[in-house]
Amino acid sequence: MNTVDTLSNIAWFPTIKLALARGFSSGLVLAVVMSWQSPSFDAVFIPFYWAIFSLLLFGTVHLLSKVIPFLWMASFLLSLMIIVGDPIVYVFNRIFPKILDLADFKILNFHPLIIVYHPE
């Protein structure tokens, strides 16, 4: 299977939707922790900023880790930043299964970017 076949099998909208949901939920955890440290109104916007930033950062690292051999270590460290929100996404997916369209989402996923493929 070549790269064009692989890219055509990716369900892009569900992949981006899942990445944004994971980023938003880990941003919620980050905002709660930061508001305990120093309460401010800016903590309200952290989940939105973190969702967009994590999508761009983790997507870039995922693509570069295919080319640069030892970048998988950075990818693993970044997965620790996003894994804190996975239980929230897991519960959300169980309550509202049609929104994320995921059949099998585990409570903890050690991948910074999860790619959703079209069902065969």
N, C-alpha and C. Protein backbone atom coordinates (compact mmCIF):
# COMPACT_ATOMS: atom_id res chain seq x y z
N MET A 1 0.85 -1.17 0.00
CA MET A 1 0.00 0.00 0.00
C MET A 1 0.90 1.24 0.00
N ASN A 2 0.65 2.14 -0.93
CA ASN A 2 1.48 3.34 -1.00
C ASN A 2 0.85 4.48 -0.20
N THR A 3 1.53 5.60 -0.19
CA THR A 3 1.12 6.72 0.63
C THR A 3 -0.22 7.30 0.19
N VAL A 4 -0.46 7.33 -1.12
CA VAL A 4 -1.73 7.89 -1.61
C VAL A 4 -2.90 7.02 -1.16
N ASP A 5 -2.74 5.69 -1.20
CA ASP A 5 -3.80 4.81 -0.72
C ASP A 5 -4.03 5.00 0.77
N THR A 6 -2.97 5.16 1.53
CA THR A 6 -3.09 5.35 2.96
C THR A 6 -3.80 6.67 3.28
N LEU A 7 -3.42 7.74 2.60
CA LEU A 7 -4.05 9.03 2.84
C LEU A 7 -5.52 9.05 2.43
N SER A 8 -5.87 8.28 1.40
CA SER A 8 -7.27 8.25 0.99
C SER A 8 -8.12 7.42 1.94
N ASN A 9 -7.52 6.56 2.74
CA ASN A 9 -8.28 5.75 3.70
C ASN A 9 -8.51 6.47 5.03
N ILE A 10 -7.87 7.60 5.23
CA ILE A 10 -8.03 8.34 6.48
C ILE A 10 -9.35 9.10 6.45
N ALA A 11 -10.11 8.96 7.52
CA ALA A 11 -11.32 9.76 7.70
C ALA A 11 -10.89 11.07 8.34
N TRP A 12 -10.71 12.11 7.54
CA TRP A 12 -10.10 13.34 7.99
C TRP A 12 -10.95 14.08 9.01
N PHE A 13 -12.24 14.22 8.76
CA PHE A 13 -13.09 14.96 9.68
C PHE A 13 -13.16 14.29 11.05
N PRO A 14 -13.40 12.97 11.15
CA PRO A 14 -13.37 12.34 12.47
C PRO A 14 -12.00 12.40 13.16
N THR A 15 -10.93 12.35 12.38
CA THR A 15 -9.58 12.44 12.96
C THR A 15 -9.35 13.81 13.58
N ILE A 16 -9.73 14.86 12.86
CA ILE A 16 -9.56 16.22 13.39
C ILE A 16 -10.50 16.45 14.56
N LYS A 17 -11.71 15.93 14.46
CA LYS A 17 -12.68 16.09 15.54
C LYS A 17 -12.18 15.40 16.82
N LEU A 18 -11.61 14.21 16.69
CA LEU A 18 -11.06 13.50 17.85
C LEU A 18 -9.86 14.25 18.42
N ALA A 19 -8.98 14.75 17.56
CA ALA A 19 -7.81 15.49 18.04
C ALA A 19 -8.23 16.76 18.78
N LEU A 20 -9.23 17.45 18.28
CA LEU A 20 -9.71 18.65 18.96
C LEU A 20 -10.40 18.30 20.28
N ALA A 21 -11.13 17.20 20.31
CA ALA A 21 -11.80 16.78 21.56
C ALA A 21 -10.77 16.40 22.61
N ARG A 22 -9.72 15.67 22.20
CA ARG A 22 -8.68 15.30 23.15
C ARG A 22 -7.92 16.53 23.63
N GLY A 23 -7.64 17.47 22.73
CA GLY A 23 -6.95 18.70 23.12
C GLY A 23 -7.80 19.56 24.04
N PHE A 24 -9.10 19.65 23.75
CA PHE A 24 -9.99 20.46 24.59
C PHE A 24 -10.11 19.86 25.98
N SER A 25 -10.26 18.52 26.05
CA SER A 25 -10.42 17.90 27.37
C SER A 25 -9.14 17.97 28.18
N SER A 26 -7.98 17.82 27.56
CA SER A 26 -6.74 17.98 28.32
C SER A 26 -6.52 19.44 28.69
N GLY A 27 -7.03 20.36 27.85
CA GLY A 27 -6.98 21.78 28.20
C GLY A 27 -7.87 22.10 29.39
N LEU A 28 -9.00 21.37 29.51
CA LEU A 28 -9.85 21.54 30.70
C LEU A 28 -9.10 21.16 31.97
N VAL A 29 -8.41 20.02 31.90
CA VAL A 29 -7.63 19.59 33.06
C VAL A 29 -6.53 20.60 33.36
N LEU A 30 -5.86 21.08 32.34
CA LEU A 30 -4.81 22.08 32.51
C LEU A 30 -5.38 23.38 33.11
N ALA A 31 -6.55 23.80 32.66
CA ALA A 31 -7.17 25.02 33.19
C ALA A 31 -7.54 24.87 34.65
N VAL A 32 -8.03 23.69 35.04
CA VAL A 32 -8.38 23.46 36.45
C VAL A 32 -7.13 23.51 37.31
N VAL A 33 -6.06 22.87 36.86
CA VAL A 33 -4.82 22.87 37.62
C VAL A 33 -4.25 24.29 37.72
N MET A 34 -4.30 25.02 36.61
CA MET A 34 -3.77 26.38 36.63
C MET A 34 -4.63 27.31 37.49
N SER A 35 -5.93 27.09 37.52
CA SER A 35 -6.78 27.96 38.34
C SER A 35 -6.59 27.69 39.83
N TRP A 36 -6.16 26.48 40.17
CA TRP A 36 -5.82 26.21 41.58
C TRP A 36 -4.54 26.94 41.96
N GLN A 37 -3.61 27.01 41.03
CA GLN A 37 -2.34 27.67 41.31
C GLN A 37 -2.51 29.18 41.42
N SER A 38 -3.13 29.77 40.42
CA SER A 38 -3.37 31.22 40.44
C SER A 38 -4.68 31.50 39.69
N PRO A 39 -5.75 31.69 40.43
CA PRO A 39 -7.06 31.90 39.79
C PRO A 39 -7.07 33.17 38.93
N SER A 40 -7.53 33.02 37.71
CA SER A 40 -7.68 34.17 36.82
C SER A 40 -8.75 33.85 35.78
N PHE A 41 -9.23 34.88 35.13
CA PHE A 41 -10.25 34.70 34.11
C PHE A 41 -9.67 34.09 32.84
N ASP A 42 -8.37 34.21 32.61
CA ASP A 42 -7.74 33.67 31.41
C ASP A 42 -7.80 32.16 31.34
N ALA A 43 -7.99 31.50 32.47
CA ALA A 43 -8.05 30.03 32.48
C ALA A 43 -9.25 29.51 31.71
N VAL A 44 -10.25 30.35 31.49
CA VAL A 44 -11.43 29.94 30.73
C VAL A 44 -11.07 29.65 29.28
N PHE A 45 -10.11 30.35 28.74
CA PHE A 45 -9.76 30.22 27.33
C PHE A 45 -8.71 29.15 27.05
N ILE A 46 -8.09 28.62 28.08
CA ILE A 46 -7.03 27.63 27.90
C ILE A 46 -7.49 26.40 27.12
N PRO A 47 -8.65 25.80 27.39
CA PRO A 47 -9.05 24.62 26.61
C PRO A 47 -9.15 24.88 25.11
N PHE A 48 -9.61 26.06 24.73
CA PHE A 48 -9.73 26.38 23.31
C PHE A 48 -8.36 26.57 22.66
N TYR A 49 -7.50 27.31 23.35
CA TYR A 49 -6.14 27.50 22.83
C TYR A 49 -5.38 26.18 22.75
N TRP A 50 -5.50 25.38 23.79
CA TRP A 50 -4.76 24.13 23.85
C TRP A 50 -5.26 23.15 22.80
N ALA A 51 -6.56 23.15 22.50
CA ALA A 51 -7.10 22.24 21.48
C ALA A 51 -6.50 22.54 20.11
N ILE A 52 -6.43 23.80 19.74
CA ILE A 52 -5.87 24.18 18.44
C ILE A 52 -4.36 23.96 18.43
N PHE A 53 -3.67 24.39 19.48
CA PHE A 53 -2.22 24.24 19.55
C PHE A 53 -1.82 22.77 19.54
N SER A 54 -2.53 21.94 20.29
CA SER A 54 -2.16 20.52 20.34
C SER A 54 -2.40 19.84 19.00
N LEU A 55 -3.45 20.22 18.29
CA LEU A 55 -3.70 19.64 16.97
C LEU A 55 -2.55 19.96 16.03
N LEU A 56 -2.12 21.21 16.01
CA LEU A 56 -1.01 21.59 15.14
C LEU A 56 0.31 20.96 15.57
N LEU A 57 0.59 21.00 16.87
CA LEU A 57 1.85 20.47 17.38
C LEU A 57 1.94 18.96 17.21
N PHE A 58 0.91 18.25 17.62
CA PHE A 58 0.97 16.79 17.56
C PHE A 58 0.89 16.28 16.13
N GLY A 59 0.17 16.99 15.27
CA GLY A 59 0.14 16.61 13.86
C GLY A 59 1.50 16.76 13.21
N THR A 60 2.16 17.87 13.52
CA THR A 60 3.50 18.09 12.98
C THR A 60 4.50 17.07 13.49
N VAL A 61 4.46 16.80 14.79
CA VAL A 61 5.39 15.82 15.37
C VAL A 61 5.10 14.42 14.82
N HIS A 62 3.83 14.10 14.62
CA HIS A 62 3.48 12.79 14.06
C HIS A 62 4.03 12.62 12.65
N LEU A 63 3.90 13.65 11.83
CA LEU A 63 4.41 13.57 10.47
C LEU A 63 5.94 13.53 10.45
N LEU A 64 6.58 14.34 11.28
CA LEU A 64 8.04 14.36 11.32
C LEU A 64 8.63 13.09 11.93
N SER A 65 7.88 12.43 12.81
CA SER A 65 8.41 11.21 13.43
C SER A 65 8.50 10.07 12.42
N LYS A 66 7.80 10.19 11.30
CA LYS A 66 7.92 9.19 10.24
C LYS A 66 9.22 9.36 9.46
N VAL A 67 9.80 10.56 9.52
CA VAL A 67 11.01 10.87 8.76
C VAL A 67 12.25 10.89 9.64
N ILE A 68 12.14 11.48 10.82
CA ILE A 68 13.27 11.61 11.74
C ILE A 68 13.22 10.45 12.74
N PRO A 69 14.27 9.63 12.79
CA PRO A 69 14.19 8.38 13.56
C PRO A 69 13.90 8.51 15.05
N PHE A 70 14.53 9.44 15.74
CA PHE A 70 14.41 9.47 17.20
C PHE A 70 13.35 10.45 17.70
N LEU A 71 12.51 10.94 16.82
CA LEU A 71 11.48 11.87 17.23
C LEU A 71 10.33 11.16 17.94
N TRP A 72 10.31 9.84 17.90
CA TRP A 72 9.26 9.09 18.61
C TRP A 72 9.35 9.33 20.11
N MET A 73 10.55 9.67 20.62
CA MET A 73 10.68 9.96 22.05
C MET A 73 9.93 11.26 22.41
N ALA A 74 10.05 12.27 21.56
CA ALA A 74 9.31 13.51 21.78
C ALA A 74 7.82 13.24 21.64
N SER A 75 7.47 12.37 20.72
CA SER A 75 6.07 12.02 20.53
C SER A 75 5.51 11.35 21.79
N PHE A 76 6.30 10.51 22.42
CA PHE A 76 5.85 9.85 23.65
C PHE A 76 5.69 10.86 24.78
N LEU A 77 6.63 11.79 24.90
CA LEU A 77 6.52 12.82 25.94
C LEU A 77 5.30 13.72 25.71
N LEU A 78 5.02 14.02 24.46
CA LEU A 78 3.84 14.82 24.15
C LEU A 78 2.55 14.06 24.45
N SER A 79 2.60 12.74 24.31
CA SER A 79 1.40 11.95 24.61
C SER A 79 1.06 12.03 26.09
N LEU A 80 2.05 12.23 26.94
CA LEU A 80 1.77 12.39 28.37
C LEU A 80 1.04 13.70 28.65
N MET A 81 1.19 14.68 27.77
CA MET A 81 0.49 15.95 27.94
C MET A 81 -0.98 15.84 27.53
N ILE A 82 -1.28 14.96 26.61
CA ILE A 82 -2.65 14.87 26.10
C ILE A 82 -3.44 13.74 26.76
N ILE A 83 -2.75 12.81 27.38
CA ILE A 83 -3.42 11.64 27.95
C ILE A 83 -4.28 12.00 29.16
N VAL A 84 -4.02 13.14 29.79
CA VAL A 84 -4.81 13.52 30.97
C VAL A 84 -6.26 13.82 30.61
N GLY A 85 -6.53 14.12 29.36
CA GLY A 85 -7.90 14.40 28.95
C GLY A 85 -8.64 13.20 28.38
N ASP A 86 -7.94 12.09 28.18
CA ASP A 86 -8.58 10.92 27.58
C ASP A 86 -9.74 10.35 28.39
N PRO A 87 -9.69 10.31 29.72
CA PRO A 87 -10.87 9.83 30.45
C PRO A 87 -12.12 10.68 30.21
N ILE A 88 -11.95 11.97 30.02
CA ILE A 88 -13.09 12.83 29.73
C ILE A 88 -13.67 12.50 28.36
N VAL A 89 -12.80 12.32 27.37
CA VAL A 89 -13.25 11.97 26.02
C VAL A 89 -13.90 10.59 26.04
N TYR A 90 -13.35 9.67 26.82
CA TYR A 90 -13.91 8.32 26.92
C TYR A 90 -15.35 8.36 27.46
N VAL A 91 -15.56 9.11 28.53
CA VAL A 91 -16.91 9.21 29.11
C VAL A 91 -17.85 9.94 28.15
N PHE A 92 -17.36 10.99 27.51
CA PHE A 92 -18.17 11.73 26.54
C PHE A 92 -18.58 10.83 25.38
N ASN A 93 -17.63 10.00 24.91
CA ASN A 93 -17.92 9.09 23.80
C ASN A 93 -18.92 8.01 24.22
N ARG A 94 -18.88 7.59 25.47
CA ARG A 94 -19.85 6.59 25.95
C ARG A 94 -21.24 7.18 26.09
N ILE A 95 -21.32 8.44 26.52
CA ILE A 95 -22.63 9.07 26.70
C ILE A 95 -23.22 9.50 25.36
N PHE A 96 -22.39 10.10 24.49
CA PHE A 96 -22.84 10.58 23.18
C PHE A 96 -22.02 9.90 22.07
N PRO A 97 -22.32 8.65 21.73
CA PRO A 97 -21.48 7.92 20.77
C PRO A 97 -21.56 8.44 19.33
N LYS A 98 -22.60 9.15 18.98
CA LYS A 98 -22.74 9.63 17.59
C LYS A 98 -21.91 10.88 17.30
N ILE A 99 -21.47 11.59 18.33
CA ILE A 99 -20.75 12.84 18.09
C ILE A 99 -19.34 12.58 17.58
N LEU A 100 -18.62 11.68 18.23
CA LEU A 100 -17.24 11.40 17.80
C LEU A 100 -17.16 10.23 16.82
N ASP A 101 -18.18 9.42 16.71
CA ASP A 101 -18.22 8.28 15.79
C ASP A 101 -17.04 7.32 15.99
N LEU A 102 -16.75 6.99 17.24
CA LEU A 102 -15.66 6.08 17.54
C LEU A 102 -16.24 4.80 18.12
N ALA A 103 -15.85 3.68 17.55
CA ALA A 103 -16.37 2.40 18.04
C ALA A 103 -15.60 1.93 19.27
N ASP A 104 -14.28 2.10 19.25
CA ASP A 104 -13.45 1.57 20.33
C ASP A 104 -12.42 2.62 20.75
N PHE A 105 -12.78 3.44 21.72
CA PHE A 105 -11.85 4.42 22.26
C PHE A 105 -11.52 4.00 23.68
N LYS A 106 -10.24 3.78 23.93
CA LYS A 106 -9.81 3.33 25.26
C LYS A 106 -9.72 4.51 26.22
N ILE A 107 -9.75 4.21 27.49
CA ILE A 107 -9.73 5.26 28.50
C ILE A 107 -8.37 5.97 28.55
N LEU A 108 -7.30 5.29 28.21
CA LEU A 108 -5.96 5.89 28.10
C LEU A 108 -5.33 5.48 26.78
N ASN A 109 -4.87 6.44 26.01
CA ASN A 109 -4.24 6.19 24.71
C ASN A 109 -2.89 6.89 24.69
N PHE A 110 -1.84 6.12 24.55
CA PHE A 110 -0.49 6.69 24.58
C PHE A 110 -0.02 7.13 23.20
N HIS A 111 -0.92 7.64 22.38
CA HIS A 111 -0.57 8.18 21.08
C HIS A 111 -0.98 9.65 21.06
N PRO A 112 -0.07 10.54 20.72
CA PRO A 112 -0.44 11.95 20.72
C PRO A 112 -1.49 12.28 19.66
N LEU A 113 -1.49 11.56 18.56
CA LEU A 113 -2.46 11.79 17.49
C LEU A 113 -3.02 10.43 17.06
N ILE A 114 -4.31 10.28 17.19
CA ILE A 114 -4.98 9.05 16.79
C ILE A 114 -5.63 9.29 15.44
N ILE A 115 -5.26 8.48 14.46
CA ILE A 115 -5.79 8.63 13.11
C ILE A 115 -6.96 7.66 12.95
N VAL A 116 -8.09 8.20 12.51
CA VAL A 116 -9.30 7.41 12.30
C VAL A 116 -9.36 7.06 10.82
N TYR A 117 -9.53 5.78 10.52
CA TYR A 117 -9.63 5.32 9.14
C TYR A 117 -11.06 4.99 8.79
N HIS A 118 -11.37 5.04 7.50
CA HIS A 118 -12.71 4.66 7.03
C HIS A 118 -12.92 3.17 7.32
N PRO A 119 -14.13 2.79 7.72
CA PRO A 119 -14.38 1.36 7.94
C PRO A 119 -14.31 0.61 6.61
N GLU A 120 -13.73 -0.56 6.65
CA GLU A 120 -13.55 -1.36 5.43
C GLU A 120 -14.77 -2.18 5.15
